[in-house]
């Protein structure tokens, strides 16, 4: 799973969000390292919806502008959980190997 996909699914893990809310949450979760453009986000959301990982929740009109809300599906939640576990295993393996290369404390 590519990092932007992982971050989008993570942004939706605690409940439905509209597009701009997803953009903000991705930036927050990544500590400002990842800033998605709206075109990139909506292309990804269309792909994730086609894959059954996210679904359109509802539309809301605010100040004359349409906000489309998305939510994780059960498959999306399972995919995010599996990817988080995979990344954790990789991080654990890396940390184990790094510890082997650190000099012993005096």
N, C-alpha and C. Protein backbone atom coordinates (compact mmCIF):
# COMPACT_ATOMS: atom_id res chain seq x y z
N UNK A 1 0.86 -1.18 0.00
CA UNK A 1 0.00 0.00 0.00
C UNK A 1 0.90 1.23 0.00
N UNK A 2 0.58 2.18 -0.86
CA UNK A 2 1.36 3.41 -0.92
C UNK A 2 1.01 4.31 0.27
N UNK A 3 1.98 5.14 0.65
CA UNK A 3 1.80 5.99 1.82
C UNK A 3 0.56 6.89 1.75
N UNK A 4 0.28 7.57 0.63
CA UNK A 4 -0.92 8.41 0.60
C UNK A 4 -2.20 7.61 0.87
N UNK A 5 -2.28 6.41 0.33
CA UNK A 5 -3.45 5.55 0.57
C UNK A 5 -3.56 5.22 2.04
N UNK A 6 -2.45 4.82 2.63
CA UNK A 6 -2.42 4.50 4.06
C UNK A 6 -2.89 5.69 4.89
N UNK A 7 -2.41 6.88 4.55
CA UNK A 7 -2.77 8.08 5.31
C UNK A 7 -4.24 8.45 5.12
N UNK A 8 -4.77 8.28 3.92
CA UNK A 8 -6.19 8.56 3.68
C UNK A 8 -7.05 7.61 4.50
N UNK A 9 -6.72 6.32 4.47
CA UNK A 9 -7.49 5.35 5.26
C UNK A 9 -7.36 5.66 6.75
N UNK A 10 -6.17 6.04 7.19
CA UNK A 10 -5.96 6.40 8.59
C UNK A 10 -6.81 7.62 8.97
N UNK A 11 -6.89 8.59 8.08
CA UNK A 11 -7.69 9.79 8.34
C UNK A 11 -9.17 9.46 8.52
N UNK A 12 -9.61 8.37 7.90
CA UNK A 12 -11.01 7.98 7.99
C UNK A 12 -11.27 6.95 9.09
N UNK A 13 -10.23 6.52 9.78
CA UNK A 13 -10.38 5.45 10.77
C UNK A 13 -11.26 5.82 11.95
N UNK A 14 -11.31 7.10 12.30
CA UNK A 14 -12.12 7.47 13.46
C UNK A 14 -13.47 8.07 13.08
N UNK A 15 -13.84 7.95 11.82
CA UNK A 15 -15.17 8.39 11.42
C UNK A 15 -15.16 9.09 10.08
N UNK A 16 -16.35 9.31 9.53
CA UNK A 16 -16.47 9.95 8.22
C UNK A 16 -15.90 11.36 8.22
N UNK A 17 -15.35 11.76 7.08
CA UNK A 17 -14.81 13.10 6.88
C UNK A 17 -15.11 13.54 5.45
N UNK A 18 -15.21 14.85 5.29
CA UNK A 18 -15.33 15.39 3.93
C UNK A 18 -13.92 15.60 3.38
N UNK A 19 -13.84 15.88 2.09
CA UNK A 19 -12.55 15.96 1.42
C UNK A 19 -11.54 16.87 2.09
N UNK A 20 -11.94 18.10 2.39
CA UNK A 20 -11.00 19.03 3.01
C UNK A 20 -10.58 18.52 4.39
N UNK A 21 -11.50 17.91 5.12
CA UNK A 21 -11.17 17.33 6.42
C UNK A 21 -10.15 16.21 6.29
N UNK A 22 -10.26 15.42 5.22
CA UNK A 22 -9.29 14.35 4.98
C UNK A 22 -7.92 14.97 4.70
N UNK A 23 -7.89 16.02 3.85
CA UNK A 23 -6.62 16.69 3.54
C UNK A 23 -5.95 17.19 4.82
N UNK A 24 -6.72 17.81 5.69
CA UNK A 24 -6.18 18.34 6.94
C UNK A 24 -5.68 17.21 7.85
N UNK A 25 -6.45 16.14 7.94
CA UNK A 25 -6.07 15.03 8.82
C UNK A 25 -4.82 14.32 8.32
N UNK A 26 -4.68 14.16 7.00
CA UNK A 26 -3.47 13.56 6.44
C UNK A 26 -2.26 14.40 6.81
N UNK A 27 -2.39 15.70 6.71
CA UNK A 27 -1.28 16.59 7.07
C UNK A 27 -0.96 16.47 8.57
N UNK A 28 -2.00 16.38 9.40
CA UNK A 28 -1.81 16.25 10.84
C UNK A 28 -1.15 14.92 11.20
N UNK A 29 -1.67 13.84 10.65
CA UNK A 29 -1.15 12.50 10.96
C UNK A 29 0.31 12.38 10.52
N UNK A 30 0.64 12.99 9.38
CA UNK A 30 2.01 12.90 8.87
C UNK A 30 2.91 13.99 9.45
N UNK A 31 2.39 14.75 10.40
CA UNK A 31 3.13 15.85 11.04
C UNK A 31 3.64 16.85 10.00
N UNK A 32 2.79 17.12 8.99
CA UNK A 32 3.11 18.11 7.97
C UNK A 32 4.00 17.62 6.85
N UNK A 33 4.41 16.38 6.91
CA UNK A 33 5.31 15.84 5.89
C UNK A 33 4.60 15.55 4.59
N UNK A 34 3.31 15.18 4.66
CA UNK A 34 2.53 14.86 3.46
C UNK A 34 1.38 15.84 3.34
N UNK A 35 1.34 16.52 2.21
CA UNK A 35 0.25 17.46 1.91
C UNK A 35 -0.32 17.06 0.55
N UNK A 36 -1.48 16.43 0.58
CA UNK A 36 -2.10 16.00 -0.67
C UNK A 36 -2.80 17.17 -1.36
N UNK A 37 -2.78 17.16 -2.66
CA UNK A 37 -3.54 18.13 -3.45
C UNK A 37 -4.95 17.59 -3.63
N UNK A 38 -5.94 18.46 -3.76
CA UNK A 38 -7.33 17.98 -3.92
C UNK A 38 -7.50 16.99 -5.07
N UNK A 39 -6.87 17.26 -6.20
CA UNK A 39 -7.00 16.34 -7.34
C UNK A 39 -6.47 14.95 -7.02
N UNK A 40 -5.36 14.91 -6.30
CA UNK A 40 -4.77 13.63 -5.89
C UNK A 40 -5.71 12.91 -4.93
N UNK A 41 -6.27 13.66 -3.99
CA UNK A 41 -7.17 13.05 -3.00
C UNK A 41 -8.39 12.44 -3.68
N UNK A 42 -9.05 13.22 -4.54
CA UNK A 42 -10.30 12.73 -5.13
C UNK A 42 -10.06 11.59 -6.11
N UNK A 43 -8.92 11.58 -6.78
CA UNK A 43 -8.57 10.44 -7.62
C UNK A 43 -8.39 9.20 -6.75
N UNK A 44 -7.69 9.37 -5.63
CA UNK A 44 -7.48 8.25 -4.70
C UNK A 44 -8.80 7.78 -4.11
N UNK A 45 -9.67 8.70 -3.72
CA UNK A 45 -10.97 8.31 -3.14
C UNK A 45 -11.81 7.54 -4.16
N UNK A 46 -11.79 7.97 -5.42
CA UNK A 46 -12.51 7.23 -6.46
C UNK A 46 -11.98 5.81 -6.59
N UNK A 47 -10.65 5.67 -6.59
CA UNK A 47 -10.02 4.35 -6.68
C UNK A 47 -10.36 3.50 -5.46
N UNK A 48 -10.26 4.09 -4.27
CA UNK A 48 -10.56 3.35 -3.05
C UNK A 48 -12.02 2.94 -2.98
N UNK A 49 -12.90 3.78 -3.49
CA UNK A 49 -14.33 3.42 -3.53
C UNK A 49 -14.54 2.26 -4.50
N UNK A 50 -13.88 2.30 -5.66
CA UNK A 50 -14.00 1.21 -6.63
C UNK A 50 -13.47 -0.10 -6.06
N UNK A 51 -12.46 -0.01 -5.19
CA UNK A 51 -11.89 -1.19 -4.54
C UNK A 51 -12.70 -1.65 -3.33
N UNK A 52 -13.70 -0.86 -2.95
CA UNK A 52 -14.55 -1.22 -1.82
C UNK A 52 -13.95 -0.89 -0.46
N UNK A 53 -12.92 -0.03 -0.43
CA UNK A 53 -12.27 0.30 0.84
C UNK A 53 -12.88 1.52 1.52
N UNK A 54 -13.46 2.42 0.73
CA UNK A 54 -14.18 3.57 1.28
C UNK A 54 -15.53 3.66 0.58
N UNK A 55 -16.45 4.37 1.20
CA UNK A 55 -17.77 4.55 0.62
C UNK A 55 -18.23 5.98 0.86
N UNK A 56 -19.04 6.45 -0.04
CA UNK A 56 -19.67 7.76 0.11
C UNK A 56 -20.67 7.66 1.26
N UNK A 57 -20.55 8.54 2.23
CA UNK A 57 -21.42 8.52 3.42
C UNK A 57 -22.64 9.42 3.21
N UNK A 58 -22.37 10.67 2.85
CA UNK A 58 -23.46 11.63 2.67
C UNK A 58 -22.91 12.90 2.03
N UNK A 59 -23.81 13.74 1.58
CA UNK A 59 -23.45 15.06 1.08
C UNK A 59 -24.09 16.10 1.99
N UNK A 60 -23.40 17.21 2.12
CA UNK A 60 -23.90 18.29 2.97
C UNK A 60 -23.57 19.61 2.26
N UNK A 61 -24.49 20.54 2.25
CA UNK A 61 -24.25 21.83 1.63
C UNK A 61 -23.94 22.84 2.74
N UNK A 62 -22.77 23.48 2.65
CA UNK A 62 -22.34 24.47 3.63
C UNK A 62 -21.95 25.73 2.86
N UNK A 63 -22.62 26.83 3.18
CA UNK A 63 -22.35 28.10 2.50
C UNK A 63 -22.39 27.95 0.99
N UNK A 64 -23.34 27.18 0.51
CA UNK A 64 -23.52 26.99 -0.92
C UNK A 64 -22.56 26.01 -1.58
N UNK A 65 -21.65 25.44 -0.79
CA UNK A 65 -20.68 24.49 -1.34
C UNK A 65 -21.01 23.09 -0.86
N UNK A 66 -20.85 22.15 -1.77
CA UNK A 66 -21.15 20.76 -1.45
C UNK A 66 -19.95 20.11 -0.77
N UNK A 67 -20.23 19.47 0.36
CA UNK A 67 -19.22 18.66 1.05
C UNK A 67 -19.64 17.20 0.92
N UNK A 68 -18.76 16.40 0.38
CA UNK A 68 -19.03 14.97 0.24
C UNK A 68 -18.24 14.26 1.33
N UNK A 69 -18.94 13.48 2.13
CA UNK A 69 -18.32 12.74 3.24
C UNK A 69 -18.06 11.30 2.82
N UNK A 70 -16.91 10.80 3.27
CA UNK A 70 -16.51 9.42 2.99
C UNK A 70 -16.27 8.71 4.31
N UNK A 71 -16.42 7.39 4.28
CA UNK A 71 -16.18 6.56 5.46
C UNK A 71 -15.43 5.31 5.04
N UNK A 72 -14.75 4.69 5.99
CA UNK A 72 -14.12 3.39 5.75
C UNK A 72 -15.20 2.32 5.69
N UNK A 73 -15.03 1.35 4.83
CA UNK A 73 -15.88 0.17 4.83
C UNK A 73 -15.22 -0.88 5.73
N UNK A 74 -15.90 -1.99 5.94
CA UNK A 74 -15.29 -3.09 6.72
C UNK A 74 -14.02 -3.57 6.03
N UNK A 75 -14.04 -3.65 4.69
CA UNK A 75 -12.83 -4.06 3.96
C UNK A 75 -11.73 -3.02 4.10
N UNK A 76 -12.10 -1.75 4.13
CA UNK A 76 -11.12 -0.69 4.31
C UNK A 76 -10.47 -0.75 5.69
N UNK A 77 -11.28 -1.01 6.69
CA UNK A 77 -10.76 -1.15 8.05
C UNK A 77 -9.80 -2.34 8.13
N UNK A 78 -10.18 -3.45 7.51
CA UNK A 78 -9.32 -4.65 7.51
C UNK A 78 -8.02 -4.38 6.77
N UNK A 79 -8.09 -3.66 5.64
CA UNK A 79 -6.88 -3.35 4.86
C UNK A 79 -5.95 -2.44 5.65
N UNK A 80 -6.53 -1.44 6.33
CA UNK A 80 -5.72 -0.53 7.14
C UNK A 80 -5.07 -1.29 8.29
N UNK A 81 -5.81 -2.15 8.95
CA UNK A 81 -5.27 -2.94 10.06
C UNK A 81 -4.14 -3.84 9.58
N UNK A 82 -4.32 -4.50 8.44
CA UNK A 82 -3.28 -5.40 7.90
C UNK A 82 -2.02 -4.61 7.53
N UNK A 83 -2.21 -3.43 6.92
CA UNK A 83 -1.04 -2.62 6.54
C UNK A 83 -0.33 -2.08 7.77
N UNK A 84 -1.07 -1.67 8.78
CA UNK A 84 -0.44 -1.18 10.02
C UNK A 84 0.38 -2.30 10.67
N UNK A 85 -0.15 -3.51 10.66
CA UNK A 85 0.57 -4.66 11.23
C UNK A 85 1.83 -4.95 10.41
N UNK A 86 1.72 -4.88 9.10
CA UNK A 86 2.87 -5.12 8.23
C UNK A 86 3.98 -4.09 8.48
N UNK A 87 3.58 -2.83 8.57
CA UNK A 87 4.56 -1.77 8.83
C UNK A 87 5.19 -1.93 10.20
N UNK A 88 4.41 -2.35 11.19
CA UNK A 88 4.95 -2.57 12.53
C UNK A 88 5.99 -3.68 12.52
N UNK A 89 5.70 -4.77 11.79
CA UNK A 89 6.66 -5.87 11.70
C UNK A 89 7.96 -5.41 11.05
N UNK A 90 7.85 -4.61 9.99
CA UNK A 90 9.05 -4.10 9.33
C UNK A 90 9.84 -3.17 10.25
N UNK A 91 9.15 -2.31 10.98
CA UNK A 91 9.81 -1.39 11.90
C UNK A 91 10.51 -2.16 13.01
N UNK A 92 9.87 -3.19 13.51
CA UNK A 92 10.47 -4.02 14.57
C UNK A 92 11.73 -4.70 14.05
N UNK A 93 11.68 -5.22 12.85
CA UNK A 93 12.86 -5.87 12.26
C UNK A 93 14.00 -4.87 12.10
N UNK A 94 13.68 -3.68 11.64
CA UNK A 94 14.72 -2.65 11.46
C UNK A 94 15.32 -2.25 12.79
N UNK A 95 14.48 -2.04 13.80
CA UNK A 95 14.99 -1.64 15.12
C UNK A 95 15.87 -2.73 15.74
N UNK A 96 15.48 -3.97 15.55
CA UNK A 96 16.27 -5.08 16.07
C UNK A 96 17.66 -5.07 15.44
N UNK A 97 17.73 -4.86 14.15
CA UNK A 97 19.02 -4.84 13.47
C UNK A 97 19.83 -3.61 13.84
N UNK A 98 19.16 -2.49 14.04
CA UNK A 98 19.87 -1.28 14.44
C UNK A 98 20.49 -1.43 15.83
N UNK A 99 19.77 -2.07 16.73
CA UNK A 99 20.30 -2.29 18.09
C UNK A 99 21.59 -3.10 18.03
N UNK A 100 21.68 -4.02 17.11
CA UNK A 100 22.88 -4.86 16.99
C UNK A 100 24.09 -4.04 16.57
N UNK A 101 23.89 -2.90 15.97
CA UNK A 101 25.00 -2.07 15.48
C UNK A 101 25.35 -0.91 16.40
N UNK A 102 24.58 -0.72 17.46
CA UNK A 102 24.88 0.35 18.40
C UNK A 102 25.99 -0.09 19.35
N UNK A 103 26.91 0.80 19.65
CA UNK A 103 27.97 0.42 20.60
C UNK A 103 27.37 0.22 22.00
N UNK A 104 27.94 -0.68 22.72
CA UNK A 104 27.49 -0.95 24.09
C UNK A 104 27.77 0.28 24.96
N UNK A 105 26.91 0.53 25.93
CA UNK A 105 27.11 1.66 26.85
C UNK A 105 28.27 1.35 27.78
N UNK A 106 29.02 2.41 28.13
CA UNK A 106 30.18 2.23 29.02
C UNK A 106 29.76 2.19 30.46
